[in-house]
PDB file of all heavy atoms in Angstrom:
ATOM      1  N   ALA A   1     100.972 109.997  93.509  1.00  0.00           N
ATOM      2  CA  ALA A   1      99.610 109.479  93.389  1.00  0.00           C
ATOM      3  C   ALA A   1      99.131 109.016  94.760  1.00  0.00           C
ATOM      4  O   ALA A   1      99.916 108.621  95.617  1.00  0.00           O
ATOM      5  CB  ALA A   1      99.574 108.324  92.388  1.00  0.00           C
ATOM      6  N   ASP A   2      97.813 109.062  94.954  1.00  0.00           N
ATOM      7  CA  ASP A   2      97.260 108.746  96.267  1.00  0.00           C
ATOM      8  C   ASP A   2      97.683 107.380  96.776  1.00  0.00           C
ATOM      9  O   ASP A   2      97.864 107.184  97.972  1.00  0.00           O
ATOM     10  CB  ASP A   2      95.732 108.828  96.225  1.00  0.00           C
ATOM     11  CG  ASP A   2      95.233 110.267  96.130  1.00  0.00           C
ATOM     12  OD1 ASP A   2      96.004 111.172  96.487  1.00  0.00           O
ATOM     13  OD2 ASP A   2      94.092 110.474  95.703  1.00  0.00           O
ATOM     14  N   GLY A   3      97.842 106.423  95.898  1.00  0.00           N
ATOM     15  CA  GLY A   3      98.207 105.074  96.323  1.00  0.00           C
ATOM     16  C   GLY A   3      99.555 104.997  97.013  1.00  0.00           C
ATOM     17  O   GLY A   3      99.808 104.077  97.809  1.00  0.00           O
ATOM     18  N   PHE A   4     100.428 105.949  96.727  1.00  0.00           N
ATOM     19  CA  PHE A   4     101.754 105.950  97.343  1.00  0.00           C
ATOM     20  C   PHE A   4     101.729 106.544  98.755  1.00  0.00           C
ATOM     21  O   PHE A   4     102.731 106.474  99.463  1.00  0.00           O
ATOM     22  CB  PHE A   4     102.751 106.724  96.479  1.00  0.00           C
ATOM     23  CG  PHE A   4     103.185 105.986  95.253  1.00  0.00           C
ATOM     24  CD1 PHE A   4     102.527 106.156  94.044  1.00  0.00           C
ATOM     25  CD2 PHE A   4     104.253 105.102  95.302  1.00  0.00           C
ATOM     26  CE1 PHE A   4     102.929 105.468  92.911  1.00  0.00           C
ATOM     27  CE2 PHE A   4     104.670 104.409  94.179  1.00  0.00           C
ATOM     28  CZ  PHE A   4     103.998 104.591  92.970  1.00  0.00           C
ATOM     29  N   ASN A   5     100.601 107.133  99.137  1.00  0.00           N
ATOM     30  CA  ASN A   5     100.463 107.657 100.494  1.00  0.00           C
ATOM     31  C   ASN A   5     100.192 106.470 101.409  1.00  0.00           C
ATOM     32  O   ASN A   5      99.055 106.088 101.666  1.00  0.00           O
ATOM     33  CB  ASN A   5      99.319 108.665 100.551  1.00  0.00           C
ATOM     34  CG  ASN A   5      99.211 109.340 101.908  1.00  0.00           C
ATOM     35  OD1 ASN A   5      99.878 108.967 102.862  1.00  0.00           O
ATOM     36  ND2 ASN A   5      98.347 110.340 101.983  1.00  0.00           N
ATOM     37  N   ARG A   6     101.268 105.886 101.912  1.00  0.00           N
ATOM     38  CA  ARG A   6     101.157 104.646 102.677  1.00  0.00           C
ATOM     39  C   ARG A   6     102.310 104.536 103.658  1.00  0.00           C
ATOM     40  O   ARG A   6     103.390 105.074 103.426  1.00  0.00           O
ATOM     41  CB  ARG A   6     101.156 103.442 101.732  1.00  0.00           C
ATOM     42  CG  ARG A   6     102.385 103.398 100.790  1.00  0.00           C
ATOM     43  CD  ARG A   6     102.308 102.231  99.834  1.00  0.00           C
ATOM     44  NE  ARG A   6     103.496 102.152  98.979  1.00  0.00           N
ATOM     45  CZ  ARG A   6     103.860 101.038  98.329  1.00  0.00           C
ATOM     46  NH1 ARG A   6     103.122  99.939  98.436  1.00  0.00           N
ATOM     47  NH2 ARG A   6     104.941 101.037  97.580  1.00  0.00           N
ATOM     48  N   SER A   7     102.068 103.813 104.725  1.00  0.00           N
ATOM     49  CA  SER A   7     103.106 103.593 105.721  1.00  0.00           C
ATOM     50  C   SER A   7     103.900 102.329 105.421  1.00  0.00           C
ATOM     51  O   SER A   7     105.112 102.294 105.601  1.00  0.00           O
ATOM     52  CB  SER A   7     102.484 103.502 107.117  1.00  0.00           C
ATOM     53  OG  SER A   7     103.470 103.288 108.098  1.00  0.00           O
ATOM     54  N   ASP A   8     103.234 101.284 104.962  1.00  0.00           N
ATOM     55  CA  ASP A   8     103.903 100.028 104.625  1.00  0.00           C
ATOM     56  C   ASP A   8     104.300 100.068 103.153  1.00  0.00           C
ATOM     57  O   ASP A   8     103.448 100.085 102.265  1.00  0.00           O
ATOM     58  CB  ASP A   8     102.972  98.844 104.889  1.00  0.00           C
ATOM     59  CG  ASP A   8     103.656  97.499 104.765  1.00  0.00           C
ATOM     60  OD1 ASP A   8     104.672  97.391 104.029  1.00  0.00           O
ATOM     61  OD2 ASP A   8     103.190  96.535 105.391  1.00  0.00           O
ATOM     62  N   ILE A   9     105.612 100.083 102.882  1.00  0.00           N
ATOM     63  CA  ILE A   9     106.091 100.206 101.501  1.00  0.00           C
ATOM     64  C   ILE A   9     106.749  98.924 101.002  1.00  0.00           C
ATOM     65  O   ILE A   9     107.463  98.934 100.000  1.00  0.00           O
ATOM     66  CB  ILE A   9     107.077 101.387 101.369  1.00  0.00           C
ATOM     67  CG1 ILE A   9     108.330 101.170 102.220  1.00  0.00           C
ATOM     68  CG2 ILE A   9     106.400 102.692 101.725  1.00  0.00           C
ATOM     69  CD1 ILE A   9     109.445 102.172 101.951  1.00  0.00           C
ATOM     70  N   THR A  10     106.520  97.816 101.672  1.00  0.00           N
ATOM     71  CA  THR A  10     107.245  96.585 101.354  1.00  0.00           C
ATOM     72  C   THR A  10     106.817  95.933 100.044  1.00  0.00           C
ATOM     73  O   THR A  10     107.540  95.082  99.522  1.00  0.00           O
ATOM     74  CB  THR A  10     107.088  95.555 102.485  1.00  0.00           C
ATOM     75  OG1 THR A  10     105.696  95.346 102.756  1.00  0.00           O
ATOM     76  CG2 THR A  10     107.780  96.041 103.746  1.00  0.00           C
ATOM     77  N   ALA A  11     105.660  96.312  99.490  1.00  0.00           N
ATOM     78  CA  ALA A  11     105.136  95.648  98.295  1.00  0.00           C
ATOM     79  C   ALA A  11     104.736  96.670  97.237  1.00  0.00           C
ATOM     80  O   ALA A  11     104.798  97.890  97.456  1.00  0.00           O
ATOM     81  CB  ALA A  11     103.933  94.785  98.665  1.00  0.00           C
ATOM     82  N   ASN A  12     104.303  96.171  96.078  1.00  0.00           N
ATOM     83  CA  ASN A  12     103.693  97.027  95.077  1.00  0.00           C
ATOM     84  C   ASN A  12     102.393  97.607  95.618  1.00  0.00           C
ATOM     85  O   ASN A  12     101.860  97.146  96.640  1.00  0.00           O
ATOM     86  CB  ASN A  12     103.390  96.228  93.805  1.00  0.00           C
ATOM     87  CG  ASN A  12     104.638  95.932  92.988  1.00  0.00           C
ATOM     88  OD1 ASN A  12     105.636  96.650  93.056  1.00  0.00           O
ATOM     89  ND2 ASN A  12     104.575  94.855  92.205  1.00  0.00           N
ATOM     90  N   LEU A  13     101.831  98.580  94.925  1.00  0.00           N
ATOM     91  CA  LEU A  13     100.601  99.207  95.384  1.00  0.00           C
ATOM     92  C   LEU A  13      99.448  98.214  95.473  1.00  0.00           C
ATOM     93  O   LEU A  13      98.553  98.369  96.310  1.00  0.00           O
ATOM     94  CB  LEU A  13     100.209 100.361  94.454  1.00  0.00           C
ATOM     95  CG  LEU A  13     101.183 101.540  94.367  1.00  0.00           C
ATOM     96  CD1 LEU A  13     100.577 102.652  93.522  1.00  0.00           C
ATOM     97  CD2 LEU A  13     101.554 102.062  95.750  1.00  0.00           C
ATOM     98  N   ASP A  14      99.483  97.168  94.648  1.00  0.00           N
ATOM     99  CA  ASP A  14      98.420  96.170  94.680  1.00  0.00           C
ATOM    100  C   ASP A  14      98.713  95.027  95.648  1.00  0.00           C
ATOM    101  O   ASP A  14      97.966  94.049  95.719  1.00  0.00           O
ATOM    102  CB  ASP A  14      98.157  95.610  93.279  1.00  0.00           C
ATOM    103  CG  ASP A  14      99.359  94.872  92.683  1.00  0.00           C
ATOM    104  OD1 ASP A  14     100.387  94.718  93.385  1.00  0.00           O
ATOM    105  OD2 ASP A  14      99.272  94.457  91.509  1.00  0.00           O
ATOM    106  N   GLY A  15      99.801  95.137  96.405  1.00  0.00           N
ATOM    107  CA  GLY A  15     100.139  94.119  97.394  1.00  0.00           C
ATOM    108  C   GLY A  15     101.028  93.013  96.880  1.00  0.00           C
ATOM    109  O   GLY A  15     101.442  92.144  97.668  1.00  0.00           O
ATOM    110  N   SER A  16     101.348  93.017  95.602  1.00  0.00           N
ATOM    111  CA  SER A  16     102.187  91.968  95.032  1.00  0.00           C
ATOM    112  C   SER A  16     103.670  92.287  95.220  1.00  0.00           C
ATOM    113  O   SER A  16     104.030  93.397  95.600  1.00  0.00           O
ATOM    114  CB  SER A  16     101.894  91.807  93.536  1.00  0.00           C
ATOM    115  OG  SER A  16     102.219  92.997  92.819  1.00  0.00           O
ATOM    116  N   GLU A  17     104.514  91.297  94.942  1.00  0.00           N
ATOM    117  CA  GLU A  17     105.968  91.465  94.976  1.00  0.00           C
ATOM    118  C   GLU A  17     106.472  91.978  96.331  1.00  0.00           C
ATOM    119  O   GLU A  17     107.287  92.908  96.405  1.00  0.00           O
ATOM    120  CB  GLU A  17     106.432  92.419  93.866  1.00  0.00           C
ATOM    121  CG  GLU A  17     106.107  91.963  92.461  1.00  0.00           C
ATOM    122  CD  GLU A  17     106.842  90.677  92.070  1.00  0.00           C
ATOM    123  OE1 GLU A  17     107.952  90.462  92.578  1.00  0.00           O
ATOM    124  OE2 GLU A  17     106.278  89.896  91.273  1.00  0.00           O
ATOM    125  N   VAL A  18     106.007  91.347  97.395  1.00  0.00           N
ATOM    126  CA  VAL A  18     106.488  91.718  98.728  1.00  0.00           C
ATOM    127  C   VAL A  18     107.986  91.444  98.795  1.00  0.00           C
ATOM    128  O   VAL A  18     108.454  90.342  98.482  1.00  0.00           O
ATOM    129  CB  VAL A  18     105.755  90.915  99.818  1.00  0.00           C
ATOM    130  CG1 VAL A  18     106.328  91.245 101.196  1.00  0.00           C
ATOM    131  CG2 VAL A  18     104.258  91.203  99.767  1.00  0.00           C
ATOM    132  N   GLN A  19     108.752  92.437  99.203  1.00  0.00           N
ATOM    133  CA  GLN A  19     110.201  92.315  99.217  1.00  0.00           C
ATOM    134  C   GLN A  19     110.682  91.581 100.469  1.00  0.00           C
ATOM    135  O   GLN A  19     110.238  91.857 101.583  1.00  0.00           O
ATOM    136  CB  GLN A  19     110.840  93.696  99.144  1.00  0.00           C
ATOM    137  CG  GLN A  19     110.544  94.417  97.844  1.00  0.00           C
ATOM    138  CD  GLN A  19     111.028  93.648  96.621  1.00  0.00           C
ATOM    139  OE1 GLN A  19     112.226  93.498  96.417  1.00  0.00           O
ATOM    140  NE2 GLN A  19     110.095  93.159  95.821  1.00  0.00           N
ATOM    141  N   VAL A  20     111.600  90.651 100.242  1.00  0.00           N
ATOM    142  CA  VAL A  20     112.120  89.814 101.319  1.00  0.00           C
ATOM    143  C   VAL A  20     113.327  90.493 101.948  1.00  0.00           C
ATOM    144  O   VAL A  20     114.216  90.997 101.252  1.00  0.00           O
ATOM    145  CB  VAL A  20     112.513  88.432 100.778  1.00  0.00           C
ATOM    146  CG1 VAL A  20     113.124  87.572 101.891  1.00  0.00           C
ATOM    147  CG2 VAL A  20     111.296  87.735 100.172  1.00  0.00           C
ATOM    148  N   GLY A  21     113.361  90.496 103.278  1.00  0.00           N
ATOM    149  CA  GLY A  21     114.490  91.080 103.979  1.00  0.00           C
ATOM    150  C   GLY A  21     114.174  91.246 105.450  1.00  0.00           C
ATOM    151  O   GLY A  21     113.093  90.885 105.922  1.00  0.00           O
ATOM    152  N   ILE A  22     115.115  91.806 106.182  1.00  0.00           N
ATOM    153  CA  ILE A  22     114.939  92.035 107.611  1.00  0.00           C
ATOM    154  C   ILE A  22     113.940  93.170 107.811  1.00  0.00           C
ATOM    155  O   ILE A  22     114.124  94.262 107.265  1.00  0.00           O
ATOM    156  CB  ILE A  22     116.280  92.403 108.269  1.00  0.00           C
ATOM    157  CG1 ILE A  22     117.287  91.269 108.086  1.00  0.00           C
ATOM    158  CG2 ILE A  22     116.097  92.714 109.747  1.00  0.00           C
ATOM    159  CD1 ILE A  22     118.706  91.655 108.455  1.00  0.00           C
ATOM    160  N   PRO A  23     112.879  92.945 108.592  1.00  0.00           N
ATOM    161  CA  PRO A  23     111.902  94.025 108.819  1.00  0.00           C
ATOM    162  C   PRO A  23     112.562  95.257 109.426  1.00  0.00           C
ATOM    163  O   PRO A  23     113.442  95.152 110.289  1.00  0.00           O
ATOM    164  CB  PRO A  23     110.900  93.397 109.794  1.00  0.00           C
ATOM    165  CG  PRO A  23     111.029  91.920 109.580  1.00  0.00           C
ATOM    166  CD  PRO A  23     112.479  91.692 109.265  1.00  0.00           C
ATOM    167  N   LEU A  24     112.126  96.430 108.977  1.00  0.00           N
ATOM    168  CA  LEU A  24     112.674  97.692 109.465  1.00  0.00           C
ATOM    169  C   LEU A  24     111.540  98.686 109.631  1.00  0.00           C
ATOM    170  O   LEU A  24     110.789  98.947 108.681  1.00  0.00           O
ATOM    171  CB  LEU A  24     113.700  98.229 108.473  1.00  0.00           C
ATOM    172  CG  LEU A  24     114.347  99.582 108.795  1.00  0.00           C
ATOM    173  CD1 LEU A  24     115.143  99.523 110.092  1.00  0.00           C
ATOM    174  CD2 LEU A  24     115.239 100.038 107.636  1.00  0.00           C
ATOM    175  N   GLN A  25     111.407  99.212 110.840  1.00  0.00           N
ATOM    176  CA  GLN A  25     110.409 100.237 111.132  1.00  0.00           C
ATOM    177  C   GLN A  25     111.117 101.565 111.344  1.00  0.00           C
ATOM    178  O   GLN A  25     111.947 101.695 112.247  1.00  0.00           O
ATOM    179  CB  GLN A  25     109.615  99.873 112.387  1.00  0.00           C
ATOM    180  CG  GLN A  25     108.483 100.834 112.720  1.00  0.00           C
ATOM    181  CD  GLN A  25     107.284 100.678 111.790  1.00  0.00           C
ATOM    182  OE1 GLN A  25     107.024  99.594 111.281  1.00  0.00           O
ATOM    183  NE2 GLN A  25     106.565 101.760 111.559  1.00  0.00           N
ATOM    184  N   LEU A  26     110.821 102.542 110.506  1.00  0.00           N
ATOM    185  CA  LEU A  26     111.464 103.843 110.579  1.00  0.00           C
ATOM    186  C   LEU A  26     110.452 104.913 110.988  1.00  0.00           C
ATOM    187  O   LEU A  26     109.393 105.041 110.370  1.00  0.00           O
ATOM    188  CB  LEU A  26     112.076 104.219 109.228  1.00  0.00           C
ATOM    189  CG  LEU A  26     113.200 103.324 108.718  1.00  0.00           C
ATOM    190  CD1 LEU A  26     113.620 103.759 107.313  1.00  0.00           C
ATOM    191  CD2 LEU A  26     114.389 103.358 109.666  1.00  0.00           C
ATOM    192  N   THR A  27     110.787 105.668 112.015  1.00  0.00           N
ATOM    193  CA  THR A  27     109.954 106.777 112.471  1.00  0.00           C
ATOM    194  C   THR A  27     110.764 108.052 112.377  1.00  0.00           C
ATOM    195  O   THR A  27     111.913 108.102 112.822  1.00  0.00           O
ATOM    196  CB  THR A  27     109.492 106.560 113.921  1.00  0.00           C
ATOM    197  OG1 THR A  27     108.714 105.360 113.992  1.00  0.00           O
ATOM    198  CG2 THR A  27     108.652 107.737 114.400  1.00  0.00           C
ATOM    199  N   PHE A  28     110.166 109.068 111.787  1.00  0.00           N
ATOM    200  CA  PHE A  28     110.826 110.361 111.644  1.00  0.00           C
ATOM    201  C   PHE A  28     109.967 111.442 112.276  1.00  0.00           C
ATOM    202  O   PHE A  28     108.737 111.425 112.174  1.00  0.00           O
ATOM    203  CB  PHE A  28     111.053 110.693 110.167  1.00  0.00           C
ATOM    204  CG  PHE A  28     111.937 109.719 109.449  1.00  0.00           C
ATOM    205  CD1 PHE A  28     111.388 108.654 108.735  1.00  0.00           C
ATOM    206  CD2 PHE A  28     113.316 109.850 109.483  1.00  0.00           C
ATOM    207  CE1 PHE A  28     112.202 107.748 108.075  1.00  0.00           C
ATOM    208  CE2 PHE A  28     114.135 108.952 108.824  1.00  0.00           C
ATOM    209  CZ  PHE A  28     113.583 107.893 108.122  1.00  0.00           C
ATOM    210  N   TYR A  29     110.647 112.366 112.956  1.00  0.00           N
ATOM    211  CA  TYR A  29     109.996 113.567 113.473  1.00  0.00           C
ATOM    212  C   TYR A  29     110.597 114.761 112.749  1.00  0.00           C
ATOM    213  O   TYR A  29     111.820 114.903 112.696  1.00  0.00           O
ATOM    214  CB  TYR A  29     110.224 113.713 114.976  1.00  0.00           C
ATOM    215  CG  TYR A  29     109.390 112.793 115.818  1.00  0.00           C
ATOM    216  CD1 TYR A  29     109.832 111.520 116.132  1.00  0.00           C
ATOM    217  CD2 TYR A  29     108.152 113.203 116.320  1.00  0.00           C
ATOM    218  CE1 TYR A  29     109.066 110.665 116.918  1.00  0.00           C
ATOM    219  CE2 TYR A  29     107.382 112.363 117.106  1.00  0.00           C
ATOM    220  CZ  TYR A  29     107.837 111.095 117.406  1.00  0.00           C
ATOM    221  OH  TYR A  29     107.078 110.254 118.182  1.00  0.00           O
ATOM    222  N   LEU A  30     109.747 115.615 112.197  1.00  0.00           N
ATOM    223  CA  LEU A  30     110.203 116.807 111.505  1.00  0.00           C
ATOM    224  C   LEU A  30     109.969 118.036 112.372  1.00  0.00           C
ATOM    225  O   LEU A  30     108.885 118.196 112.960  1.00  0.00           O
ATOM    226  CB  LEU A  30     109.485 116.972 110.166  1.00  0.00           C
ATOM    227  CG  LEU A  30     110.132 116.262 108.965  1.00  0.00           C
ATOM    228  CD1 LEU A  30     110.111 114.754 109.133  1.00  0.00           C
ATOM    229  CD2 LEU A  30     109.443 116.658 107.672  1.00  0.00           C
ATOM    230  N   TYR A  31     110.992 118.889 112.434  1.00  0.00           N
ATOM    231  CA  TYR A  31     110.930 120.111 113.221  1.00  0.00           C
ATOM    232  C   TYR A  31     111.350 121.295 112.366  1.00  0.00           C
ATOM    233  O   TYR A  31     112.152 121.165 111.450  1.00  0.00           O
ATOM    234  CB  TYR A  31     111.843 120.010 114.444  1.00  0.00           C
ATOM    235  CG  TYR A  31     111.448 118.908 115.390  1.00  0.00           C
ATOM    236  CD1 TYR A  31     112.102 117.682 115.367  1.00  0.00           C
ATOM    237  CD2 TYR A  31     110.413 119.094 116.299  1.00  0.00           C
ATOM    238  CE1 TYR A  31     111.730 116.660 116.231  1.00  0.00           C
ATOM    239  CE2 TYR A  31     110.035 118.080 117.168  1.00  0.00           C
ATOM    240  CZ  TYR A  31     110.689 116.863 117.125  1.00  0.00           C
ATOM    241  OH  TYR A  31     110.315 115.851 117.975  1.00  0.00           O
ATOM    242  N   ASP A  32     110.794 122.443 112.706  1.00  0.00           N
ATOM    243  CA  ASP A  32     111.074 123.668 111.971  1.00  0.00           C
ATOM    244  C   ASP A  32     112.178 124.433 112.690  1.00  0.00           C
ATOM    245  O   ASP A  32     111.950 125.079 113.719  1.00  0.00           O
ATOM    246  CB  ASP A  32     109.808 124.518 111.890  1.00  0.00           C
ATOM    247  CG  ASP A  32     109.927 125.667 110.910  1.00  0.00           C
ATOM    248  OD1 ASP A  32     111.078 126.068 110.624  1.00  0.00           O
ATOM    249  OD2 ASP A  32     108.891 126.162 110.443  1.00  0.00           O
TER     250      ASP A  32
END
């Protein structure tokens, strides 16, 4: 669903239930 197209995944789609933990930023590069 469109709402899941997001970079920040720490919470529910409505912003509730933010998960507690060590911040982690993940970057991926895809190659053919």
